[in-house]
Amino acid sequence: MKPYDYKVYVTGPFQAGKTTLIHTLDPDAISIEREMREAYRGEKGTTTTGFDLGRVVWVRKEVHHDGLVVPKKEFERERAEYDGWTTREIELRGVPGQLHFKFVRDTMRMNTDGVLMIVDSSDYGMIGDASAILAETIAAFGDIPLEVIANKQDRNDAASPEEVATWLGVEKATGMCAKDHESAREALIRLLKKLEGAGEEGGSA
């Protein structure tokens, strides 16, 4: 049996907020990174060169509720509090956004159930890369459940989710601030609900 119920593939352009999202949801997440040689948009930090790996548990007292997203280690410590709740273990796997790391993204796609596509809504300059990664993702996964996320909505220069959707030619994008746990939780749960719906459709066929 798989050690998780859903594997979520987190992709998007360089510095879109993929690692931030995963570490916001799971502070114990593992990341293979390196220091950036040059500042990007005035900020110098780290960039993912291997992958990010986080584990969380989606817990709901009632199946129709949105529920909570709890880090796996926290859930294990407090398991008794969720006795009788519906639980789903989620693996969050983030991949590098630079286009030349395509081989890493190809390697990390196995057994994926759903995709979070993260876009920096304050950086119009990354739309070319975002479009390329989105096309790559759709070609690899087909009609797998996918949620496009317009990140960094807390910035004054952020485009609206509707504008981001127009940039990418998708029907809808959802606004998020990856640094905020509630915002990150809501974004993940939107995708998880799509996965639950897809499972129900498959089961009724």
N, C-alpha and C. Protein backbone atom coordinates (compact mmCIF):
# COMPACT_ATOMS: atom_id res chain seq x y z
N MET A 1 0.83 -1.20 0.00
CA MET A 1 0.00 0.00 0.00
C MET A 1 0.87 1.25 0.00
N LYS A 2 0.38 2.29 -0.64
CA LYS A 2 1.12 3.56 -0.65
C LYS A 2 1.15 4.15 0.75
N PRO A 3 2.26 4.82 1.11
CA PRO A 3 2.34 5.44 2.44
C PRO A 3 1.56 6.75 2.51
N TYR A 4 0.83 7.10 1.48
CA TYR A 4 0.04 8.32 1.45
C TYR A 4 -1.22 8.05 0.64
N ASP A 5 -2.24 8.87 0.85
CA ASP A 5 -3.47 8.72 0.09
C ASP A 5 -3.42 9.49 -1.23
N TYR A 6 -2.79 10.67 -1.17
CA TYR A 6 -2.66 11.49 -2.38
C TYR A 6 -1.24 12.04 -2.48
N LYS A 7 -0.71 11.98 -3.66
CA LYS A 7 0.58 12.61 -3.93
C LYS A 7 0.30 13.86 -4.76
N VAL A 8 0.72 15.02 -4.24
CA VAL A 8 0.49 16.30 -4.92
C VAL A 8 1.81 16.82 -5.45
N TYR A 9 1.84 17.06 -6.74
CA TYR A 9 3.02 17.56 -7.45
C TYR A 9 2.92 19.08 -7.48
N VAL A 10 3.92 19.77 -6.90
CA VAL A 10 3.90 21.23 -6.79
C VAL A 10 4.92 21.80 -7.77
N THR A 11 4.44 22.49 -8.78
CA THR A 11 5.32 22.99 -9.83
C THR A 11 5.06 24.46 -10.09
N GLY A 12 5.86 25.05 -10.96
CA GLY A 12 5.75 26.47 -11.27
C GLY A 12 7.12 27.05 -11.54
N PRO A 13 7.18 28.29 -11.99
CA PRO A 13 8.45 28.91 -12.35
C PRO A 13 9.37 29.17 -11.16
N PHE A 14 10.59 29.53 -11.47
CA PHE A 14 11.62 29.92 -10.50
C PHE A 14 11.09 31.01 -9.57
N GLN A 15 11.25 30.79 -8.25
CA GLN A 15 10.89 31.76 -7.22
C GLN A 15 9.39 32.09 -7.17
N ALA A 16 8.56 31.16 -7.60
CA ALA A 16 7.11 31.41 -7.57
C ALA A 16 6.52 31.22 -6.17
N GLY A 17 7.20 30.43 -5.31
CA GLY A 17 6.71 30.22 -3.96
C GLY A 17 6.41 28.77 -3.63
N LYS A 18 6.94 27.84 -4.42
CA LYS A 18 6.65 26.41 -4.22
C LYS A 18 7.21 25.90 -2.89
N THR A 19 8.47 26.20 -2.63
CA THR A 19 9.11 25.76 -1.38
C THR A 19 8.44 26.41 -0.18
N THR A 20 8.12 27.70 -0.30
CA THR A 20 7.45 28.41 0.79
C THR A 20 6.13 27.75 1.13
N LEU A 21 5.34 27.43 0.12
CA LEU A 21 4.05 26.77 0.33
C LEU A 21 4.22 25.47 1.11
N ILE A 22 5.15 24.64 0.68
CA ILE A 22 5.33 23.33 1.30
C ILE A 22 5.80 23.47 2.74
N HIS A 23 6.71 24.40 3.01
CA HIS A 23 7.21 24.58 4.37
C HIS A 23 6.19 25.28 5.27
N THR A 24 5.30 26.06 4.68
CA THR A 24 4.22 26.66 5.47
C THR A 24 3.28 25.58 5.98
N LEU A 25 2.98 24.60 5.13
CA LEU A 25 2.08 23.52 5.50
C LEU A 25 2.76 22.46 6.35
N ASP A 26 4.06 22.24 6.11
CA ASP A 26 4.82 21.26 6.87
C ASP A 26 6.19 21.84 7.24
N PRO A 27 6.32 22.41 8.44
CA PRO A 27 7.58 23.02 8.85
C PRO A 27 8.76 22.04 8.86
N ASP A 28 8.46 20.73 8.89
CA ASP A 28 9.53 19.73 8.88
C ASP A 28 9.84 19.22 7.48
N ALA A 29 9.31 19.87 6.46
CA ALA A 29 9.57 19.44 5.09
C ALA A 29 11.06 19.47 4.78
N ILE A 30 11.46 18.59 3.87
CA ILE A 30 12.86 18.50 3.44
C ILE A 30 13.00 19.20 2.10
N SER A 31 14.08 19.99 1.95
CA SER A 31 14.33 20.66 0.68
C SER A 31 15.80 20.49 0.30
N ILE A 32 16.02 20.18 -0.96
CA ILE A 32 17.38 20.14 -1.50
C ILE A 32 17.57 21.42 -2.29
N GLU A 33 18.36 22.35 -1.72
CA GLU A 33 18.50 23.70 -2.27
C GLU A 33 19.97 24.10 -2.34
N ARG A 34 20.19 25.24 -2.95
CA ARG A 34 21.50 25.88 -2.91
C ARG A 34 21.30 27.39 -2.82
N GLU A 35 22.32 28.08 -2.34
CA GLU A 35 22.27 29.53 -2.26
C GLU A 35 22.23 30.12 -3.67
N MET A 36 21.43 31.15 -3.86
CA MET A 36 21.39 31.84 -5.15
C MET A 36 22.66 32.69 -5.31
N ARG A 37 23.26 32.62 -6.46
CA ARG A 37 24.49 33.38 -6.72
C ARG A 37 24.20 34.87 -6.86
N GLU A 38 23.04 35.18 -7.39
CA GLU A 38 22.68 36.58 -7.61
C GLU A 38 21.28 36.83 -7.05
N ALA A 39 21.05 38.07 -6.67
CA ALA A 39 19.73 38.44 -6.15
C ALA A 39 18.71 38.37 -7.29
N TYR A 40 17.48 37.98 -6.94
CA TYR A 40 16.38 37.95 -7.90
C TYR A 40 15.32 38.90 -7.43
N ARG A 41 15.03 39.90 -8.23
CA ARG A 41 14.08 40.95 -7.87
C ARG A 41 14.41 41.58 -6.51
N GLY A 42 15.71 41.80 -6.31
CA GLY A 42 16.16 42.48 -5.10
C GLY A 42 16.33 41.59 -3.89
N GLU A 43 16.06 40.30 -4.03
CA GLU A 43 16.16 39.39 -2.90
C GLU A 43 17.11 38.25 -3.22
N LYS A 44 17.95 37.90 -2.24
CA LYS A 44 18.88 36.79 -2.42
C LYS A 44 18.61 35.76 -1.34
N GLY A 45 18.33 34.55 -1.76
CA GLY A 45 18.03 33.49 -0.81
C GLY A 45 18.50 32.16 -1.34
N THR A 46 17.60 31.16 -1.34
CA THR A 46 17.93 29.84 -1.85
C THR A 46 16.97 29.46 -2.97
N THR A 47 17.37 28.48 -3.76
CA THR A 47 16.52 27.98 -4.82
C THR A 47 16.60 26.46 -4.83
N THR A 48 15.49 25.82 -5.12
CA THR A 48 15.44 24.36 -5.14
C THR A 48 16.16 23.83 -6.37
N THR A 49 17.08 22.90 -6.15
CA THR A 49 17.80 22.26 -7.26
C THR A 49 17.50 20.77 -7.33
N GLY A 50 16.92 20.23 -6.28
CA GLY A 50 16.54 18.82 -6.26
C GLY A 50 15.05 18.68 -6.13
N PHE A 51 14.55 18.74 -4.89
CA PHE A 51 13.11 18.66 -4.67
C PHE A 51 12.79 19.14 -3.27
N ASP A 52 11.50 19.38 -3.04
CA ASP A 52 10.95 19.63 -1.71
C ASP A 52 10.02 18.47 -1.39
N LEU A 53 10.05 18.01 -0.15
CA LEU A 53 9.18 16.90 0.23
C LEU A 53 8.53 17.20 1.57
N GLY A 54 7.21 17.34 1.57
CA GLY A 54 6.46 17.57 2.79
C GLY A 54 5.37 16.53 2.95
N ARG A 55 4.98 16.28 4.20
CA ARG A 55 3.90 15.32 4.47
C ARG A 55 2.91 15.96 5.44
N VAL A 56 1.66 15.97 5.05
CA VAL A 56 0.60 16.54 5.88
C VAL A 56 -0.58 15.59 5.90
N VAL A 57 -1.49 15.84 6.83
CA VAL A 57 -2.70 15.03 6.93
C VAL A 57 -3.91 15.96 6.84
N TRP A 58 -4.82 15.63 5.95
CA TRP A 58 -6.08 16.37 5.81
C TRP A 58 -7.09 15.69 6.71
N VAL A 59 -7.56 16.41 7.73
CA VAL A 59 -8.48 15.82 8.71
C VAL A 59 -9.80 16.57 8.68
N ARG A 60 -10.91 15.80 8.69
CA ARG A 60 -12.25 16.40 8.65
C ARG A 60 -13.15 15.68 9.64
N LYS A 61 -13.82 16.45 10.46
CA LYS A 61 -14.77 15.87 11.41
C LYS A 61 -15.99 15.34 10.67
N GLU A 62 -16.37 16.06 9.61
CA GLU A 62 -17.44 15.62 8.71
C GLU A 62 -16.89 15.67 7.30
N VAL A 63 -17.25 14.70 6.48
CA VAL A 63 -16.67 14.60 5.13
C VAL A 63 -16.93 15.85 4.30
N HIS A 64 -18.08 16.51 4.51
CA HIS A 64 -18.40 17.68 3.69
C HIS A 64 -17.71 18.95 4.20
N HIS A 65 -17.01 18.88 5.33
CA HIS A 65 -16.28 20.04 5.84
C HIS A 65 -14.96 20.22 5.11
N ASP A 66 -14.44 21.47 5.10
CA ASP A 66 -13.11 21.71 4.54
C ASP A 66 -12.04 21.05 5.39
N GLY A 67 -12.21 21.09 6.70
CA GLY A 67 -11.27 20.45 7.60
C GLY A 67 -9.99 21.22 7.82
N LEU A 68 -8.99 20.51 8.35
CA LEU A 68 -7.70 21.08 8.69
C LEU A 68 -6.61 20.36 7.91
N VAL A 69 -5.49 21.06 7.72
CA VAL A 69 -4.29 20.44 7.15
C VAL A 69 -3.22 20.49 8.24
N VAL A 70 -2.84 19.31 8.72
CA VAL A 70 -1.95 19.20 9.87
C VAL A 70 -0.63 18.55 9.45
N PRO A 71 0.52 19.11 9.84
CA PRO A 71 1.79 18.44 9.54
C PRO A 71 1.78 17.01 10.05
N LYS A 72 2.38 16.09 9.31
CA LYS A 72 2.33 14.66 9.67
C LYS A 72 2.86 14.42 11.08
N LYS A 73 3.98 15.03 11.45
CA LYS A 73 4.54 14.80 12.79
C LYS A 73 3.59 15.29 13.88
N GLU A 74 2.94 16.42 13.64
CA GLU A 74 1.98 16.94 14.62
C GLU A 74 0.79 16.00 14.74
N PHE A 75 0.32 15.48 13.61
CA PHE A 75 -0.81 14.55 13.62
C PHE A 75 -0.46 13.30 14.42
N GLU A 76 0.75 12.78 14.23
CA GLU A 76 1.15 11.58 14.96
C GLU A 76 1.16 11.83 16.47
N ARG A 77 1.59 13.03 16.88
CA ARG A 77 1.63 13.35 18.31
C ARG A 77 0.23 13.49 18.90
N GLU A 78 -0.70 14.00 18.09
CA GLU A 78 -2.03 14.34 18.59
C GLU A 78 -3.13 13.47 17.98
N ARG A 79 -2.75 12.28 17.53
CA ARG A 79 -3.68 11.41 16.82
C ARG A 79 -5.00 11.19 17.57
N ALA A 80 -4.92 11.08 18.89
CA ALA A 80 -6.12 10.81 19.68
C ALA A 80 -7.17 11.91 19.53
N GLU A 81 -6.72 13.15 19.28
CA GLU A 81 -7.66 14.26 19.13
C GLU A 81 -8.53 14.11 17.89
N TYR A 82 -8.06 13.33 16.94
CA TYR A 82 -8.78 13.19 15.67
C TYR A 82 -9.44 11.82 15.55
N ASP A 83 -9.64 11.16 16.65
CA ASP A 83 -10.28 9.86 16.64
C ASP A 83 -11.69 9.98 16.05
N GLY A 84 -11.98 9.18 15.05
CA GLY A 84 -13.29 9.21 14.41
C GLY A 84 -13.38 10.18 13.24
N TRP A 85 -12.35 11.01 13.04
CA TRP A 85 -12.36 11.96 11.93
C TRP A 85 -11.93 11.24 10.65
N THR A 86 -12.33 11.77 9.50
CA THR A 86 -11.84 11.28 8.22
C THR A 86 -10.44 11.84 7.98
N THR A 87 -9.49 10.99 7.65
CA THR A 87 -8.11 11.44 7.45
C THR A 87 -7.59 11.01 6.08
N ARG A 88 -6.81 11.87 5.47
CA ARG A 88 -6.13 11.56 4.22
C ARG A 88 -4.68 12.04 4.36
N GLU A 89 -3.73 11.14 4.15
CA GLU A 89 -2.32 11.51 4.21
C GLU A 89 -1.88 12.01 2.84
N ILE A 90 -1.22 13.16 2.86
CA ILE A 90 -0.84 13.83 1.61
C ILE A 90 0.68 13.97 1.53
N GLU A 91 1.24 13.61 0.41
CA GLU A 91 2.65 13.88 0.13
C GLU A 91 2.73 15.07 -0.81
N LEU A 92 3.47 16.10 -0.39
CA LEU A 92 3.68 17.29 -1.22
C LEU A 92 5.08 17.22 -1.81
N ARG A 93 5.17 17.18 -3.11
CA ARG A 93 6.48 17.05 -3.74
C ARG A 93 6.72 18.22 -4.68
N GLY A 94 7.61 19.12 -4.28
CA GLY A 94 7.93 20.29 -5.09
C GLY A 94 9.13 20.05 -5.98
N VAL A 95 9.11 20.68 -7.14
CA VAL A 95 10.19 20.49 -8.12
C VAL A 95 10.77 21.84 -8.53
N PRO A 96 12.01 21.85 -9.04
CA PRO A 96 12.64 23.12 -9.45
C PRO A 96 11.88 23.78 -10.59
N GLY A 97 11.92 25.12 -10.58
CA GLY A 97 11.19 25.86 -11.61
C GLY A 97 12.01 26.26 -12.83
N GLN A 98 13.35 26.24 -12.72
CA GLN A 98 14.15 26.61 -13.88
C GLN A 98 13.91 25.61 -15.01
N LEU A 99 13.76 26.10 -16.22
CA LEU A 99 13.41 25.23 -17.34
C LEU A 99 14.45 24.14 -17.58
N HIS A 100 15.74 24.42 -17.27
CA HIS A 100 16.77 23.42 -17.55
C HIS A 100 16.74 22.26 -16.56
N PHE A 101 15.88 22.33 -15.53
CA PHE A 101 15.72 21.22 -14.60
C PHE A 101 14.56 20.31 -15.00
N LYS A 102 14.21 20.30 -16.27
CA LYS A 102 13.11 19.47 -16.74
C LYS A 102 13.32 18.00 -16.37
N PHE A 103 14.57 17.52 -16.41
CA PHE A 103 14.84 16.11 -16.11
C PHE A 103 14.45 15.77 -14.67
N VAL A 104 14.61 16.74 -13.76
CA VAL A 104 14.20 16.50 -12.37
C VAL A 104 12.68 16.42 -12.30
N ARG A 105 12.00 17.34 -12.98
CA ARG A 105 10.53 17.31 -12.96
C ARG A 105 10.02 16.00 -13.55
N ASP A 106 10.64 15.54 -14.63
CA ASP A 106 10.23 14.28 -15.24
C ASP A 106 10.36 13.12 -14.25
N THR A 107 11.45 13.13 -13.49
CA THR A 107 11.72 12.05 -12.54
C THR A 107 10.72 12.02 -11.39
N MET A 108 10.26 13.20 -10.97
CA MET A 108 9.44 13.32 -9.76
C MET A 108 7.94 13.14 -10.01
N ARG A 109 7.54 12.87 -11.24
CA ARG A 109 6.11 12.82 -11.56
C ARG A 109 5.41 11.51 -11.21
N MET A 110 6.15 10.46 -10.94
CA MET A 110 5.56 9.15 -10.77
C MET A 110 4.47 9.12 -9.69
N ASN A 111 3.36 8.47 -10.01
CA ASN A 111 2.24 8.24 -9.08
C ASN A 111 1.53 9.51 -8.62
N THR A 112 1.70 10.60 -9.35
CA THR A 112 1.03 11.85 -8.97
C THR A 112 -0.49 11.73 -9.11
N ASP A 113 -1.19 12.29 -8.12
CA ASP A 113 -2.65 12.29 -8.15
C ASP A 113 -3.22 13.65 -8.55
N GLY A 114 -2.53 14.74 -8.19
CA GLY A 114 -3.01 16.08 -8.51
C GLY A 114 -1.85 17.06 -8.55
N VAL A 115 -2.08 18.22 -9.16
CA VAL A 115 -1.02 19.21 -9.38
C VAL A 115 -1.43 20.57 -8.84
N LEU A 116 -0.51 21.19 -8.10
CA LEU A 116 -0.61 22.61 -7.77
C LEU A 116 0.40 23.35 -8.62
N MET A 117 -0.08 24.24 -9.47
CA MET A 117 0.78 25.05 -10.33
C MET A 117 0.85 26.45 -9.71
N ILE A 118 2.03 26.81 -9.19
CA ILE A 118 2.21 28.07 -8.46
C ILE A 118 2.81 29.13 -9.39
N VAL A 119 2.20 30.30 -9.42
CA VAL A 119 2.67 31.41 -10.25
C VAL A 119 2.82 32.65 -9.38
N ASP A 120 3.92 33.40 -9.56
CA ASP A 120 4.12 34.66 -8.85
C ASP A 120 3.29 35.73 -9.55
N SER A 121 2.18 36.12 -8.93
CA SER A 121 1.27 37.06 -9.57
C SER A 121 1.82 38.48 -9.60
N SER A 122 2.97 38.72 -8.94
CA SER A 122 3.57 40.05 -8.96
C SER A 122 4.72 40.16 -9.96
N ASP A 123 4.97 39.10 -10.72
CA ASP A 123 6.10 39.07 -11.65
C ASP A 123 5.64 38.70 -13.05
N TYR A 124 5.25 39.71 -13.80
CA TYR A 124 4.76 39.46 -15.17
C TYR A 124 5.85 38.85 -16.04
N GLY A 125 7.13 39.11 -15.69
CA GLY A 125 8.24 38.61 -16.50
C GLY A 125 8.37 37.10 -16.53
N MET A 126 7.73 36.39 -15.58
CA MET A 126 7.88 34.93 -15.57
C MET A 126 6.76 34.22 -16.31
N ILE A 127 5.90 34.97 -17.00
CA ILE A 127 4.77 34.34 -17.68
C ILE A 127 5.22 33.38 -18.78
N GLY A 128 6.30 33.71 -19.47
CA GLY A 128 6.80 32.81 -20.51
C GLY A 128 7.19 31.46 -19.93
N ASP A 129 7.96 31.49 -18.82
CA ASP A 129 8.35 30.24 -18.17
C ASP A 129 7.13 29.52 -17.60
N ALA A 130 6.21 30.28 -17.02
CA ALA A 130 5.01 29.67 -16.45
C ALA A 130 4.20 28.95 -17.53
N SER A 131 4.05 29.58 -18.68
CA SER A 131 3.30 28.97 -19.78
C SER A 131 3.98 27.70 -20.26
N ALA A 132 5.33 27.73 -20.32
CA ALA A 132 6.09 26.56 -20.77
C ALA A 132 5.93 25.41 -19.78
N ILE A 133 6.01 25.71 -18.48
CA ILE A 133 5.87 24.66 -17.46
C ILE A 133 4.45 24.12 -17.42
N LEU A 134 3.47 25.00 -17.60
CA LEU A 134 2.08 24.55 -17.63
C LEU A 134 1.85 23.61 -18.81
N ALA A 135 2.37 23.98 -19.97
CA ALA A 135 2.22 23.12 -21.16
C ALA A 135 2.91 21.78 -20.94
N GLU A 136 4.10 21.82 -20.34
CA GLU A 136 4.84 20.60 -20.03
C GLU A 136 4.05 19.70 -19.07
N THR A 137 3.43 20.33 -18.08
CA THR A 137 2.66 19.60 -17.07
C THR A 137 1.42 18.96 -17.67
N ILE A 138 0.69 19.72 -18.48
CA ILE A 138 -0.53 19.19 -19.11
C ILE A 138 -0.18 18.05 -20.06
N ALA A 139 0.92 18.21 -20.80
CA ALA A 139 1.35 17.15 -21.73
C ALA A 139 1.70 15.87 -20.97
N ALA A 140 2.30 16.03 -19.78
CA ALA A 140 2.73 14.86 -19.00
C ALA A 140 1.57 14.17 -18.30
N PHE A 141 0.62 14.96 -17.79
CA PHE A 141 -0.44 14.41 -16.94
C PHE A 141 -1.81 14.32 -17.60
N GLY A 142 -2.02 14.99 -18.72
CA GLY A 142 -3.33 14.95 -19.35
C GLY A 142 -4.37 15.69 -18.51
N ASP A 143 -5.49 15.02 -18.22
CA ASP A 143 -6.60 15.68 -17.53
C ASP A 143 -6.57 15.46 -16.01
N ILE A 144 -5.42 15.23 -15.44
CA ILE A 144 -5.29 15.06 -13.99
C ILE A 144 -5.78 16.34 -13.29
N PRO A 145 -6.41 16.24 -12.12
CA PRO A 145 -6.85 17.45 -11.41
C PRO A 145 -5.69 18.42 -11.18
N LEU A 146 -5.89 19.68 -11.55
CA LEU A 146 -4.84 20.70 -11.48
C LEU A 146 -5.44 22.01 -10.97
N GLU A 147 -4.74 22.64 -10.06
CA GLU A 147 -5.17 23.93 -9.51
C GLU A 147 -4.08 24.96 -9.79
N VAL A 148 -4.41 26.02 -10.53
CA VAL A 148 -3.46 27.10 -10.80
C VAL A 148 -3.59 28.13 -9.69
N ILE A 149 -2.47 28.45 -9.04
CA ILE A 149 -2.45 29.33 -7.88
C ILE A 149 -1.71 30.63 -8.20
N ALA A 150 -2.40 31.76 -8.04
CA ALA A 150 -1.79 33.08 -8.20
C ALA A 150 -1.23 33.50 -6.84
N ASN A 151 0.05 33.24 -6.63
CA ASN A 151 0.69 33.48 -5.34
C ASN A 151 1.08 34.95 -5.17
N LYS A 152 1.45 35.29 -3.94
CA LYS A 152 1.95 36.62 -3.55
C LYS A 152 0.88 37.70 -3.70
N GLN A 153 -0.36 37.32 -3.38
CA GLN A 153 -1.45 38.27 -3.43
C GLN A 153 -1.34 39.35 -2.35
N ASP A 154 -0.40 39.18 -1.43
CA ASP A 154 -0.18 40.18 -0.39
C ASP A 154 0.63 41.36 -0.88
N ARG A 155 1.21 41.26 -2.06
CA ARG A 155 2.04 42.34 -2.59
C ARG A 155 1.18 43.39 -3.28
N ASN A 156 1.59 44.65 -3.17
CA ASN A 156 0.83 45.75 -3.79
C ASN A 156 0.84 45.66 -5.31
N ASP A 157 1.89 45.04 -5.88
CA ASP A 157 1.99 44.98 -7.34
C ASP A 157 1.47 43.67 -7.91
N ALA A 158 0.74 42.91 -7.10
CA ALA A 158 0.22 41.62 -7.57
C ALA A 158 -0.94 41.80 -8.55
N ALA A 159 -0.92 41.03 -9.62
CA ALA A 159 -2.05 40.99 -10.53
C ALA A 159 -3.15 40.14 -9.88
N SER A 160 -4.36 40.35 -10.28
CA SER A 160 -5.48 39.58 -9.73
C SER A 160 -5.42 38.15 -10.25
N PRO A 161 -6.05 37.21 -9.54
CA PRO A 161 -6.12 35.84 -10.05
C PRO A 161 -6.74 35.76 -11.44
N GLU A 162 -7.71 36.62 -11.72
CA GLU A 162 -8.34 36.64 -13.04
C GLU A 162 -7.33 37.03 -14.13
N GLU A 163 -6.47 38.00 -13.81
CA GLU A 163 -5.44 38.40 -14.77
C GLU A 163 -4.44 37.28 -15.00
N VAL A 164 -4.04 36.60 -13.93
CA VAL A 164 -3.11 35.48 -14.06
C VAL A 164 -3.70 34.38 -14.93
N ALA A 165 -4.99 34.10 -14.73
CA ALA A 165 -5.66 33.09 -15.55
C ALA A 165 -5.62 33.48 -17.03
N THR A 166 -5.81 34.77 -17.30
CA THR A 166 -5.76 35.27 -18.68
C THR A 166 -4.36 35.11 -19.26
N TRP A 167 -3.34 35.45 -18.47
CA TRP A 167 -1.95 35.30 -18.92
C TRP A 167 -1.67 33.87 -19.40
N LEU A 168 -2.18 32.90 -18.62
CA LEU A 168 -1.87 31.50 -18.89
C LEU A 168 -2.87 30.81 -19.80
N GLY A 169 -3.97 31.49 -20.08
CA GLY A 169 -4.97 30.89 -20.94
C GLY A 169 -5.74 29.77 -20.28
N VAL A 170 -5.94 29.90 -18.96
CA VAL A 170 -6.72 28.89 -18.23
C VAL A 170 -8.03 29.50 -17.77
N GLU A 171 -8.97 28.64 -17.42
CA GLU A 171 -10.30 29.12 -17.04
C GLU A 171 -10.28 29.89 -15.73
N LYS A 172 -9.45 29.42 -14.78
CA LYS A 172 -9.48 30.03 -13.46
C LYS A 172 -8.14 29.88 -12.75
N ALA A 173 -7.79 30.89 -11.96
CA ALA A 173 -6.66 30.81 -11.03
C ALA A 173 -7.15 31.26 -9.67
N THR A 174 -6.55 30.73 -8.63
CA THR A 174 -6.97 31.04 -7.27
C THR A 174 -5.90 31.84 -6.56
N GLY A 175 -6.28 32.91 -5.88
CA GLY A 175 -5.33 33.74 -5.17
C GLY A 175 -4.82 33.09 -3.89
N MET A 176 -3.54 33.37 -3.56
CA MET A 176 -2.94 32.79 -2.36
C MET A 176 -1.76 33.62 -1.92
N CYS A 177 -1.44 33.53 -0.63
CA CYS A 177 -0.17 34.01 -0.08
C CYS A 177 0.47 32.81 0.58
N ALA A 178 1.53 32.28 -0.01
CA ALA A 178 2.13 31.02 0.45
C ALA A 178 2.70 31.11 1.86
N LYS A 179 2.99 32.32 2.33
CA LYS A 179 3.55 32.49 3.68
C LYS A 179 2.47 32.36 4.76
N ASP A 180 1.21 32.46 4.36
CA ASP A 180 0.09 32.43 5.30
C ASP A 180 -0.52 31.03 5.34
N HIS A 181 -0.53 30.40 6.52
CA HIS A 181 -0.97 29.01 6.60
C HIS A 181 -2.42 28.84 6.15
N GLU A 182 -3.30 29.74 6.55
CA GLU A 182 -4.70 29.61 6.18
C GLU A 182 -4.89 29.70 4.67
N SER A 183 -4.17 30.62 4.05
CA SER A 183 -4.24 30.78 2.60
C SER A 183 -3.71 29.53 1.90
N ALA A 184 -2.57 29.02 2.37
CA ALA A 184 -1.98 27.82 1.79
C ALA A 184 -2.90 26.61 1.99
N ARG A 185 -3.50 26.50 3.17
CA ARG A 185 -4.44 25.41 3.46
C ARG A 185 -5.61 25.42 2.49
N GLU A 186 -6.19 26.61 2.28
CA GLU A 186 -7.34 26.71 1.39
C GLU A 186 -6.98 26.31 -0.04
N ALA A 187 -5.78 26.70 -0.48
CA ALA A 187 -5.36 26.35 -1.83
C ALA A 187 -5.22 24.84 -1.98
N LEU A 188 -4.60 24.20 -1.01
CA LEU A 188 -4.43 22.75 -1.08
C LEU A 188 -5.77 22.04 -1.01
N ILE A 189 -6.65 22.48 -0.12
CA ILE A 189 -7.95 21.82 0.03
C ILE A 189 -8.78 21.92 -1.25
N ARG A 190 -8.66 23.03 -1.97
CA ARG A 190 -9.38 23.13 -3.25
C ARG A 190 -8.98 22.00 -4.19
N LEU A 191 -7.67 21.71 -4.22
CA LEU A 191 -7.20 20.61 -5.07
C LEU A 191 -7.67 19.27 -4.51
N LEU A 192 -7.58 19.09 -3.20
CA LEU A 192 -7.97 17.82 -2.59
C LEU A 192 -9.45 17.52 -2.84
N LYS A 193 -10.28 18.55 -2.84
CA LYS A 193 -11.70 18.34 -3.13
C LYS A 193 -11.89 17.88 -4.57
N LYS A 194 -11.08 18.40 -5.48
CA LYS A 194 -11.14 17.92 -6.86
C LYS A 194 -10.75 16.44 -6.92
N LEU A 195 -9.73 16.07 -6.15
CA LEU A 195 -9.30 14.67 -6.13
C LEU A 195 -10.39 13.76 -5.56
N GLU A 196 -11.04 14.20 -4.50
CA GLU A 196 -12.12 13.42 -3.92
C GLU A 196 -13.25 13.26 -4.93
N GLY A 197 -13.57 14.34 -5.64
CA GLY A 197 -14.62 14.29 -6.64
C GLY A 197 -14.27 13.35 -7.78
N ALA A 198 -13.00 13.39 -8.20
CA ALA A 198 -12.55 12.50 -9.28
C ALA A 198 -12.65 11.05 -8.85
N GLY A 199 -12.34 10.79 -7.56
CA GLY A 199 -12.43 9.43 -7.04
C GLY A 199 -13.86 8.93 -7.01
N GLU A 200 -14.78 9.83 -6.63
CA GLU A 200 -16.20 9.44 -6.59
C GLU A 200 -16.72 9.13 -7.97
N GLU A 201 -16.29 9.96 -8.95
CA GLU A 201 -16.74 9.73 -10.33
C GLU A 201 -16.22 8.39 -10.83
N GLY A 202 -14.92 8.12 -10.50
CA GLY A 202 -14.34 6.86 -10.95
C GLY A 202 -15.03 5.67 -10.29
N GLY A 203 -15.40 5.83 -9.01
CA GLY A 203 -16.04 4.72 -8.29
C GLY A 203 -17.45 4.45 -8.76
N SER A 204 -18.12 5.46 -9.33
CA SER A 204 -19.50 5.26 -9.74
C SER A 204 -19.61 4.77 -11.17
N ALA A 205 -18.46 4.72 -11.85
CA ALA A 205 -18.49 4.32 -13.26
C ALA A 205 -18.79 2.82 -13.40
